[in-house]
Amino acid sequence: MLKIFFIQNLGINESLAITDISAFSKSKGHDVCDLLIEKKE
């Protein structure tokens, strides 16, 4: 089992690809911890 943490720097909205990968990973028994959205100004 993997623990997965996503980091995104595209602004406020979550990417659909990240939500899809997260759901797939959870369905395979992996622990998806969180999504950190970093906004660079």
C-alpha atoms as a PDB file:
ATOM      1  CA  MET A   1       0.000   0.000   0.000  1.00  0.00           C
ATOM      2  CA  LEU A   2       1.252   3.467  -0.910  1.00  0.00           C
ATOM      3  CA  LYS A   3       0.521   6.744   0.829  1.00  0.00           C
ATOM      4  CA  ILE A   4      -0.079   9.386  -1.842  1.00  0.00           C
ATOM      5  CA  PHE A   5      -0.017  13.164  -1.426  1.00  0.00           C
ATOM      6  CA  PHE A   6      -0.810  15.414  -4.396  1.00  0.00           C
ATOM      7  CA  ILE A   7       0.627  18.902  -4.894  1.00  0.00           C
ATOM      8  CA  GLN A   8      -0.867  21.248  -7.477  1.00  0.00           C
ATOM      9  CA  ASN A   9       0.141  24.788  -8.408  1.00  0.00           C
ATOM     10  CA  LEU A  10      -2.592  25.700 -10.885  1.00  0.00           C
ATOM     11  CA  GLY A  11      -4.704  27.905  -8.644  1.00  0.00           C
ATOM     12  CA  ILE A  12      -7.868  27.220  -6.681  1.00  0.00           C
ATOM     13  CA  ASN A  13      -9.580  24.473  -8.714  1.00  0.00           C
ATOM     14  CA  GLU A  14      -8.603  20.828  -8.520  1.00  0.00           C
ATOM     15  CA  SER A  15      -7.541  19.210 -11.760  1.00  0.00           C
ATOM     16  CA  LEU A  16      -9.895  16.485 -12.986  1.00  0.00           C
ATOM     17  CA  ALA A  17      -6.878  14.286 -13.688  1.00  0.00           C
ATOM     18  CA  ILE A  18      -5.835  14.456 -10.026  1.00  0.00           C
ATOM     19  CA  THR A  19      -9.329  13.547  -8.828  1.00  0.00           C
ATOM     20  CA  ASP A  20      -9.419  10.628 -11.295  1.00  0.00           C
ATOM     21  CA  ILE A  21      -5.994   9.340 -10.200  1.00  0.00           C
ATOM     22  CA  SER A  22      -7.007   9.768  -6.560  1.00  0.00           C
ATOM     23  CA  ALA A  23     -10.211   7.761  -7.018  1.00  0.00           C
ATOM     24  CA  PHE A  24      -8.405   5.021  -8.949  1.00  0.00           C
ATOM     25  CA  SER A  25      -5.658   4.808  -6.312  1.00  0.00           C
ATOM     26  CA  LYS A  26      -8.223   4.568  -3.501  1.00  0.00           C
ATOM     27  CA  SER A  27     -10.053   1.795  -5.375  1.00  0.00           C
ATOM     28  CA  LYS A  28      -6.797  -0.200  -5.468  1.00  0.00           C
ATOM     29  CA  GLY A  29      -6.361   0.127  -1.699  1.00  0.00           C
ATOM     30  CA  HIS A  30      -3.854   2.971  -1.535  1.00  0.00           C
ATOM     31  CA  ASP A  31      -4.079   5.744   1.058  1.00  0.00           C
ATOM     32  CA  VAL A  32      -4.576   9.101  -0.646  1.00  0.00           C
ATOM     33  CA  CYS A  33      -3.876  11.673   2.043  1.00  0.00           C
ATOM     34  CA  ASP A  34      -4.606  15.109   0.727  1.00  0.00           C
ATOM     35  CA  LEU A  35      -4.268  17.675  -2.022  1.00  0.00           C
ATOM     36  CA  LEU A  36      -2.104  20.738  -1.448  1.00  0.00           C
ATOM     37  CA  ILE A  37      -2.862  23.599  -3.799  1.00  0.00           C
ATOM     38  CA  GLU A  38      -0.022  26.084  -3.968  1.00  0.00           C
ATOM     39  CA  LYS A  39      -0.696  29.382  -5.660  1.00  0.00           C
ATOM     40  CA  LYS A  40       2.337  31.324  -6.813  1.00  0.00           C
ATOM     41  CA  GLU A  41       1.860  35.030  -7.247  1.00  0.00           C
END
